[in-house]
């Protein structure tokens, strides 16, 4: 998500608190927030996929391998 979209989300949030939003602005806010959350989840999932654990015997186990074993 680029800075321009984040600024717009914040602008709409401030406006909502002060004078309120029109229906079109509410729809835009919902769309922007949904896109922001999707980006956030995608980035978090990518970070979690890179996590690895070093076992006491020195082997390295990726988190995704541990997740598959627990299921």
PDB file of N, CA and C in Angstrom:
ATOM      1  N   UNK A   1       0.857  -1.162   0.000  1.00  0.00           N
ATOM      2  CA  UNK A   1       0.000   0.000   0.000  1.00  0.00           C
ATOM      3  C   UNK A   1       0.906   1.230   0.000  1.00  0.00           C
ATOM      4  N   UNK A   2       0.626   2.138  -0.881  1.00  0.00           N
ATOM      5  CA  UNK A   2       1.481   3.315  -0.975  1.00  0.00           C
ATOM      6  C   UNK A   2       1.054   4.400   0.019  1.00  0.00           C
ATOM      7  N   UNK A   3       1.903   5.371   0.204  1.00  0.00           N
ATOM      8  CA  UNK A   3       1.681   6.423   1.197  1.00  0.00           C
ATOM      9  C   UNK A   3       0.444   7.252   0.863  1.00  0.00           C
ATOM     10  N   UNK A   4       0.173   7.426  -0.417  1.00  0.00           N
ATOM     11  CA  UNK A   4      -0.985   8.220  -0.834  1.00  0.00           C
ATOM     12  C   UNK A   4      -2.281   7.586  -0.330  1.00  0.00           C
ATOM     13  N   UNK A   5      -2.370   6.269  -0.432  1.00  0.00           N
ATOM     14  CA  UNK A   5      -3.579   5.574   0.039  1.00  0.00           C
ATOM     15  C   UNK A   5      -3.686   5.634   1.565  1.00  0.00           C
ATOM     16  N   UNK A   6      -2.560   5.482   2.254  1.00  0.00           N
ATOM     17  CA  UNK A   6      -2.580   5.578   3.718  1.00  0.00           C
ATOM     18  C   UNK A   6      -3.015   6.969   4.168  1.00  0.00           C
ATOM     19  N   UNK A   7      -2.514   7.987   3.478  1.00  0.00           N
ATOM     20  CA  UNK A   7      -2.917   9.355   3.799  1.00  0.00           C
ATOM     21  C   UNK A   7      -4.418   9.542   3.593  1.00  0.00           C
ATOM     22  N   UNK A   8      -4.943   8.955   2.535  1.00  0.00           N
ATOM     23  CA  UNK A   8      -6.385   9.074   2.267  1.00  0.00           C
ATOM     24  C   UNK A   8      -7.199   8.356   3.342  1.00  0.00           C
ATOM     25  N   UNK A   9      -6.749   7.183   3.786  1.00  0.00           N
ATOM     26  CA  UNK A   9      -7.434   6.464   4.868  1.00  0.00           C
ATOM     27  C   UNK A   9      -7.474   7.340   6.120  1.00  0.00           C
ATOM     28  N   UNK A  10      -6.350   7.936   6.454  1.00  0.00           N
ATOM     29  CA  UNK A  10      -6.275   8.795   7.636  1.00  0.00           C
ATOM     30  C   UNK A  10      -7.130  10.049   7.488  1.00  0.00           C
ATOM     31  N   UNK A  11      -7.140  10.602   6.296  1.00  0.00           N
ATOM     32  CA  UNK A  11      -7.953  11.786   6.028  1.00  0.00           C
ATOM     33  C   UNK A  11      -9.438  11.475   6.226  1.00  0.00           C
ATOM     34  N   UNK A  12      -9.875  10.342   5.702  1.00  0.00           N
ATOM     35  CA  UNK A  12     -11.274   9.954   5.853  1.00  0.00           C
ATOM     36  C   UNK A  12     -11.610   9.664   7.317  1.00  0.00           C
ATOM     37  N   UNK A  13     -10.691   9.072   8.054  1.00  0.00           N
ATOM     38  CA  UNK A  13     -10.927   8.787   9.471  1.00  0.00           C
ATOM     39  C   UNK A  13     -11.088  10.084  10.263  1.00  0.00           C
ATOM     40  N   UNK A  14     -10.232  11.072   9.983  1.00  0.00           N
ATOM     41  CA  UNK A  14     -10.353  12.367  10.668  1.00  0.00           C
ATOM     42  C   UNK A  14     -11.671  13.052  10.321  1.00  0.00           C
ATOM     43  N   UNK A  15     -12.042  12.993   9.046  1.00  0.00           N
ATOM     44  CA  UNK A  15     -13.273  13.630   8.617  1.00  0.00           C
ATOM     45  C   UNK A  15     -14.484  12.945   9.253  1.00  0.00           C
ATOM     46  N   UNK A  16     -14.424  11.621   9.383  1.00  0.00           N
ATOM     47  CA  UNK A  16     -15.519  10.866   9.990  1.00  0.00           C
ATOM     48  C   UNK A  16     -15.730  11.302  11.439  1.00  0.00           C
ATOM     49  N   UNK A  17     -14.636  11.560  12.144  1.00  0.00           N
ATOM     50  CA  UNK A  17     -14.722  11.967  13.546  1.00  0.00           C
ATOM     51  C   UNK A  17     -15.253  13.379  13.709  1.00  0.00           C
ATOM     52  N   UNK A  18     -15.022  14.244  12.727  1.00  0.00           N
ATOM     53  CA  UNK A  18     -15.412  15.646  12.876  1.00  0.00           C
ATOM     54  C   UNK A  18     -16.782  15.936  12.270  1.00  0.00           C
ATOM     55  N   UNK A  19     -16.900  15.817  10.954  1.00  0.00           N
ATOM     56  CA  UNK A  19     -18.159  16.224  10.319  1.00  0.00           C
ATOM     57  C   UNK A  19     -18.945  15.064   9.719  1.00  0.00           C
ATOM     58  N   UNK A  20     -18.366  13.915   9.656  1.00  0.00           N
ATOM     59  CA  UNK A  20     -19.047  12.754   9.076  1.00  0.00           C
ATOM     60  C   UNK A  20     -18.705  12.568   7.610  1.00  0.00           C
ATOM     61  N   UNK A  21     -19.103  11.412   7.100  1.00  0.00           N
ATOM     62  CA  UNK A  21     -18.788  11.055   5.717  1.00  0.00           C
ATOM     63  C   UNK A  21     -20.059  10.892   4.907  1.00  0.00           C
ATOM     64  N   UNK A  22     -19.937  11.158   3.600  1.00  0.00           N
ATOM     65  CA  UNK A  22     -21.037  10.864   2.690  1.00  0.00           C
ATOM     66  C   UNK A  22     -21.037   9.364   2.418  1.00  0.00           C
ATOM     67  N   UNK A  23     -22.076   8.881   1.792  1.00  0.00           N
ATOM     68  CA  UNK A  23     -22.154   7.454   1.459  1.00  0.00           C
ATOM     69  C   UNK A  23     -21.020   7.034   0.527  1.00  0.00           C
ATOM     70  N   UNK A  24     -20.676   7.897  -0.422  1.00  0.00           N
ATOM     71  CA  UNK A  24     -19.577   7.591  -1.348  1.00  0.00           C
ATOM     72  C   UNK A  24     -18.249   7.510  -0.594  1.00  0.00           C
ATOM     73  N   UNK A  25     -18.057   8.408   0.367  1.00  0.00           N
ATOM     74  CA  UNK A  25     -16.823   8.390   1.154  1.00  0.00           C
ATOM     75  C   UNK A  25     -16.760   7.164   2.059  1.00  0.00           C
ATOM     76  N   UNK A  26     -17.905   6.772   2.599  1.00  0.00           N
ATOM     77  CA  UNK A  26     -17.950   5.560   3.422  1.00  0.00           C
ATOM     78  C   UNK A  26     -17.564   4.327   2.594  1.00  0.00           C
ATOM     79  N   UNK A  27     -18.067   4.265   1.357  1.00  0.00           N
ATOM     80  CA  UNK A  27     -17.729   3.140   0.478  1.00  0.00           C
ATOM     81  C   UNK A  27     -16.238   3.159   0.134  1.00  0.00           C
ATOM     82  N   UNK A  28     -15.707   4.348  -0.133  1.00  0.00           N
ATOM     83  CA  UNK A  28     -14.278   4.482  -0.429  1.00  0.00           C
ATOM     84  C   UNK A  28     -13.441   4.058   0.781  1.00  0.00           C
ATOM     85  N   UNK A  29     -13.848   4.483   1.965  1.00  0.00           N
ATOM     86  CA  UNK A  29     -13.134   4.135   3.193  1.00  0.00           C
ATOM     87  C   UNK A  29     -13.124   2.620   3.403  1.00  0.00           C
ATOM     88  N   UNK A  30     -14.269   2.005   3.178  1.00  0.00           N
ATOM     89  CA  UNK A  30     -14.355   0.551   3.342  1.00  0.00           C
ATOM     90  C   UNK A  30     -13.450  -0.163   2.345  1.00  0.00           C
ATOM     91  N   UNK A  31     -13.454   0.290   1.097  1.00  0.00           N
ATOM     92  CA  UNK A  31     -12.615  -0.309   0.059  1.00  0.00           C
ATOM     93  C   UNK A  31     -11.126  -0.158   0.392  1.00  0.00           C
ATOM     94  N   UNK A  32     -10.733   1.041   0.834  1.00  0.00           N
ATOM     95  CA  UNK A  32      -9.334   1.288   1.179  1.00  0.00           C
ATOM     96  C   UNK A  32      -8.899   0.464   2.383  1.00  0.00           C
ATOM     97  N   UNK A  33      -9.767   0.366   3.381  1.00  0.00           N
ATOM     98  CA  UNK A  33      -9.435  -0.421   4.574  1.00  0.00           C
ATOM     99  C   UNK A  33      -9.314  -1.904   4.241  1.00  0.00           C
ATOM    100  N   UNK A  34     -10.190  -2.399   3.383  1.00  0.00           N
ATOM    101  CA  UNK A  34     -10.130  -3.800   2.970  1.00  0.00           C
ATOM    102  C   UNK A  34      -8.819  -4.084   2.235  1.00  0.00           C
ATOM    103  N   UNK A  35      -8.428  -3.176   1.344  1.00  0.00           N
ATOM    104  CA  UNK A  35      -7.167  -3.333   0.617  1.00  0.00           C
ATOM    105  C   UNK A  35      -5.984  -3.267   1.568  1.00  0.00           C
ATOM    106  N   UNK A  36      -6.042  -2.352   2.550  1.00  0.00           N
ATOM    107  CA  UNK A  36      -4.962  -2.222   3.527  1.00  0.00           C
ATOM    108  C   UNK A  36      -4.813  -3.513   4.330  1.00  0.00           C
ATOM    109  N   UNK A  37      -5.927  -4.063   4.806  1.00  0.00           N
ATOM    110  CA  UNK A  37      -5.873  -5.300   5.588  1.00  0.00           C
ATOM    111  C   UNK A  37      -5.350  -6.473   4.762  1.00  0.00           C
ATOM    112  N   UNK A  38      -5.743  -6.548   3.498  1.00  0.00           N
ATOM    113  CA  UNK A  38      -5.249  -7.614   2.624  1.00  0.00           C
ATOM    114  C   UNK A  38      -3.738  -7.503   2.454  1.00  0.00           C
ATOM    115  N   UNK A  39      -3.240  -6.286   2.245  1.00  0.00           N
ATOM    116  CA  UNK A  39      -1.793  -6.069   2.118  1.00  0.00           C
ATOM    117  C   UNK A  39      -1.070  -6.421   3.410  1.00  0.00           C
ATOM    118  N   UNK A  40      -1.656  -6.013   4.539  1.00  0.00           N
ATOM    119  CA  UNK A  40      -1.054  -6.292   5.839  1.00  0.00           C
ATOM    120  C   UNK A  40      -0.948  -7.800   6.073  1.00  0.00           C
ATOM    121  N   UNK A  41      -2.021  -8.515   5.796  1.00  0.00           N
ATOM    122  CA  UNK A  41      -2.020  -9.971   5.986  1.00  0.00           C
ATOM    123  C   UNK A  41      -1.013 -10.658   5.066  1.00  0.00           C
ATOM    124  N   UNK A  42      -0.934 -10.202   3.816  1.00  0.00           N
ATOM    125  CA  UNK A  42       0.001 -10.782   2.863  1.00  0.00           C
ATOM    126  C   UNK A  42       1.445 -10.561   3.331  1.00  0.00           C
ATOM    127  N   UNK A  43       1.751  -9.351   3.798  1.00  0.00           N
ATOM    128  CA  UNK A  43       3.096  -9.058   4.291  1.00  0.00           C
ATOM    129  C   UNK A  43       3.424  -9.864   5.543  1.00  0.00           C
ATOM    130  N   UNK A  44       2.473  -9.984   6.457  1.00  0.00           N
ATOM    131  CA  UNK A  44       2.699 -10.749   7.676  1.00  0.00           C
ATOM    132  C   UNK A  44       2.930 -12.219   7.357  1.00  0.00           C
ATOM    133  N   UNK A  45       2.125 -12.764   6.463  1.00  0.00           N
ATOM    134  CA  UNK A  45       2.291 -14.166   6.065  1.00  0.00           C
ATOM    135  C   UNK A  45       3.675 -14.382   5.440  1.00  0.00           C
ATOM    136  N   UNK A  46       4.120 -13.440   4.623  1.00  0.00           N
ATOM    137  CA  UNK A  46       5.449 -13.539   4.018  1.00  0.00           C
ATOM    138  C   UNK A  46       6.550 -13.530   5.066  1.00  0.00           C
ATOM    139  N   UNK A  47       6.397 -12.691   6.083  1.00  0.00           N
ATOM    140  CA  UNK A  47       7.385 -12.650   7.156  1.00  0.00           C
ATOM    141  C   UNK A  47       7.371 -13.950   7.950  1.00  0.00           C
ATOM    142  N   UNK A  48       6.194 -14.478   8.233  1.00  0.00           N
ATOM    143  CA  UNK A  48       6.109 -15.717   8.997  1.00  0.00           C
ATOM    144  C   UNK A  48       6.703 -16.889   8.231  1.00  0.00           C
ATOM    145  N   UNK A  49       6.579 -16.863   6.910  1.00  0.00           N
ATOM    146  CA  UNK A  49       7.121 -17.951   6.095  1.00  0.00           C
ATOM    147  C   UNK A  49       8.648 -17.988   6.135  1.00  0.00           C
ATOM    148  N   UNK A  50       9.284 -16.878   6.484  1.00  0.00           N
ATOM    149  CA  UNK A  50      10.746 -16.848   6.513  1.00  0.00           C
ATOM    150  C   UNK A  50      11.318 -17.215   7.877  1.00  0.00           C
ATOM    151  N   UNK A  51      10.466 -17.433   8.873  1.00  0.00           N
ATOM    152  CA  UNK A  51      10.945 -17.764  10.219  1.00  0.00           C
ATOM    153  C   UNK A  51      11.378 -19.225  10.265  1.00  0.00           C
ATOM    154  N   UNK A  52      12.530 -19.446  10.877  1.00  0.00           N
ATOM    155  CA  UNK A  52      13.050 -20.799  11.077  1.00  0.00           C
ATOM    156  C   UNK A  52      13.513 -20.931  12.520  1.00  0.00           C
ATOM    157  N   UNK A  53      13.430 -22.146  13.048  1.00  0.00           N
ATOM    158  CA  UNK A  53      13.869 -22.429  14.408  1.00  0.00           C
ATOM    159  C   UNK A  53      15.127 -23.273  14.366  1.00  0.00           C
ATOM    160  N   UNK A  54      16.063 -22.928  15.229  1.00  0.00           N
ATOM    161  CA  UNK A  54      17.280 -23.724  15.356  1.00  0.00           C
ATOM    162  C   UNK A  54      17.056 -24.703  16.501  1.00  0.00           C
ATOM    163  N   UNK A  55      17.089 -25.977  16.169  1.00  0.00           N
ATOM    164  CA  UNK A  55      16.861 -27.029  17.157  1.00  0.00           C
ATOM    165  C   UNK A  55      18.106 -27.212  18.025  1.00  0.00           C
ATOM    166  N   UNK A  56      17.950 -27.855  19.193  1.00  0.00           N
ATOM    167  CA  UNK A  56      19.111 -28.068  20.078  1.00  0.00           C
ATOM    168  C   UNK A  56      20.260 -28.839  19.408  1.00  0.00           C
ATOM    169  N   UNK A  57      19.914 -29.690  18.437  1.00  0.00           N
ATOM    170  CA  UNK A  57      20.982 -30.443  17.760  1.00  0.00           C
ATOM    171  C   UNK A  57      21.632 -29.654  16.614  1.00  0.00           C
ATOM    172  N   UNK A  58      21.172 -28.420  16.393  1.00  0.00           N
ATOM    173  CA  UNK A  58      21.779 -27.560  15.377  1.00  0.00           C
ATOM    174  C   UNK A  58      21.042 -27.529  14.054  1.00  0.00           C
ATOM    175  N   UNK A  59      20.036 -28.380  13.875  1.00  0.00           N
ATOM    176  CA  UNK A  59      19.285 -28.366  12.618  1.00  0.00           C
ATOM    177  C   UNK A  59      18.362 -27.153  12.585  1.00  0.00           C
ATOM    178  N   UNK A  60      18.072 -26.728  11.393  1.00  0.00           N
ATOM    179  CA  UNK A  60      17.196 -25.579  11.194  1.00  0.00           C
ATOM    180  C   UNK A  60      15.873 -26.085  10.627  1.00  0.00           C
ATOM    181  N   UNK A  61      14.771 -25.725  11.303  1.00  0.00           N
ATOM    182  CA  UNK A  61      13.453 -26.170  10.891  1.00  0.00           C
ATOM    183  C   UNK A  61      12.605 -24.952  10.523  1.00  0.00           C
ATOM    184  N   UNK A  62      12.147 -24.854   9.271  1.00  0.00           N
ATOM    185  CA  UNK A  62      11.271 -23.745   8.888  1.00  0.00           C
ATOM    186  C   UNK A  62       9.923 -23.835   9.622  1.00  0.00           C
ATOM    187  N   UNK A  63       9.336 -22.693   9.915  1.00  0.00           N
ATOM    188  CA  UNK A  63       8.057 -22.636  10.607  1.00  0.00           C
ATOM    189  C   UNK A  63       6.972 -23.382   9.838  1.00  0.00           C
ATOM    190  N   UNK A  64       6.972 -23.254   8.517  1.00  0.00           N
ATOM    191  CA  UNK A  64       5.918 -23.912   7.723  1.00  0.00           C
ATOM    192  C   UNK A  64       5.975 -25.429   7.865  1.00  0.00           C
ATOM    193  N   UNK A  65       7.166 -25.993   8.099  1.00  0.00           N
ATOM    194  CA  UNK A  65       7.294 -27.431   8.317  1.00  0.00           C
ATOM    195  C   UNK A  65       6.662 -27.829   9.640  1.00  0.00           C
ATOM    196  N   UNK A  66       6.892 -27.028  10.656  1.00  0.00           N
ATOM    197  CA  UNK A  66       6.294 -27.301  11.962  1.00  0.00           C
ATOM    198  C   UNK A  66       4.786 -27.203  11.903  1.00  0.00           C
ATOM    199  N   UNK A  67       4.290 -26.243  11.147  1.00  0.00           N
ATOM    200  CA  UNK A  67       2.846 -26.039  11.018  1.00  0.00           C
ATOM    201  C   UNK A  67       2.185 -27.253  10.376  1.00  0.00           C
ATOM    202  N   UNK A  68       2.825 -27.840   9.382  1.00  0.00           N
ATOM    203  CA  UNK A  68       2.255 -29.007   8.693  1.00  0.00           C
ATOM    204  C   UNK A  68       2.229 -30.219   9.602  1.00  0.00           C
ATOM    205  N   UNK A  69       3.221 -30.355  10.478  1.00  0.00           N
ATOM    206  CA  UNK A  69       3.270 -31.495  11.386  1.00  0.00           C
ATOM    207  C   UNK A  69       2.164 -31.418  12.427  1.00  0.00           C
ATOM    208  N   UNK A  70       1.810 -30.208  12.861  1.00  0.00           N
ATOM    209  CA  UNK A  70       0.818 -30.031  13.912  1.00  0.00           C
ATOM    210  C   UNK A  70      -0.599 -30.287  13.420  1.00  0.00           C
ATOM    211  N   UNK A  71      -0.822 -30.244  12.140  1.00  0.00           N
ATOM    212  CA  UNK A  71      -2.184 -30.387  11.595  1.00  0.00           C
ATOM    213  C   UNK A  71      -2.610 -31.813  11.550  1.00  0.00           C
TER     214      UNK A  71
END
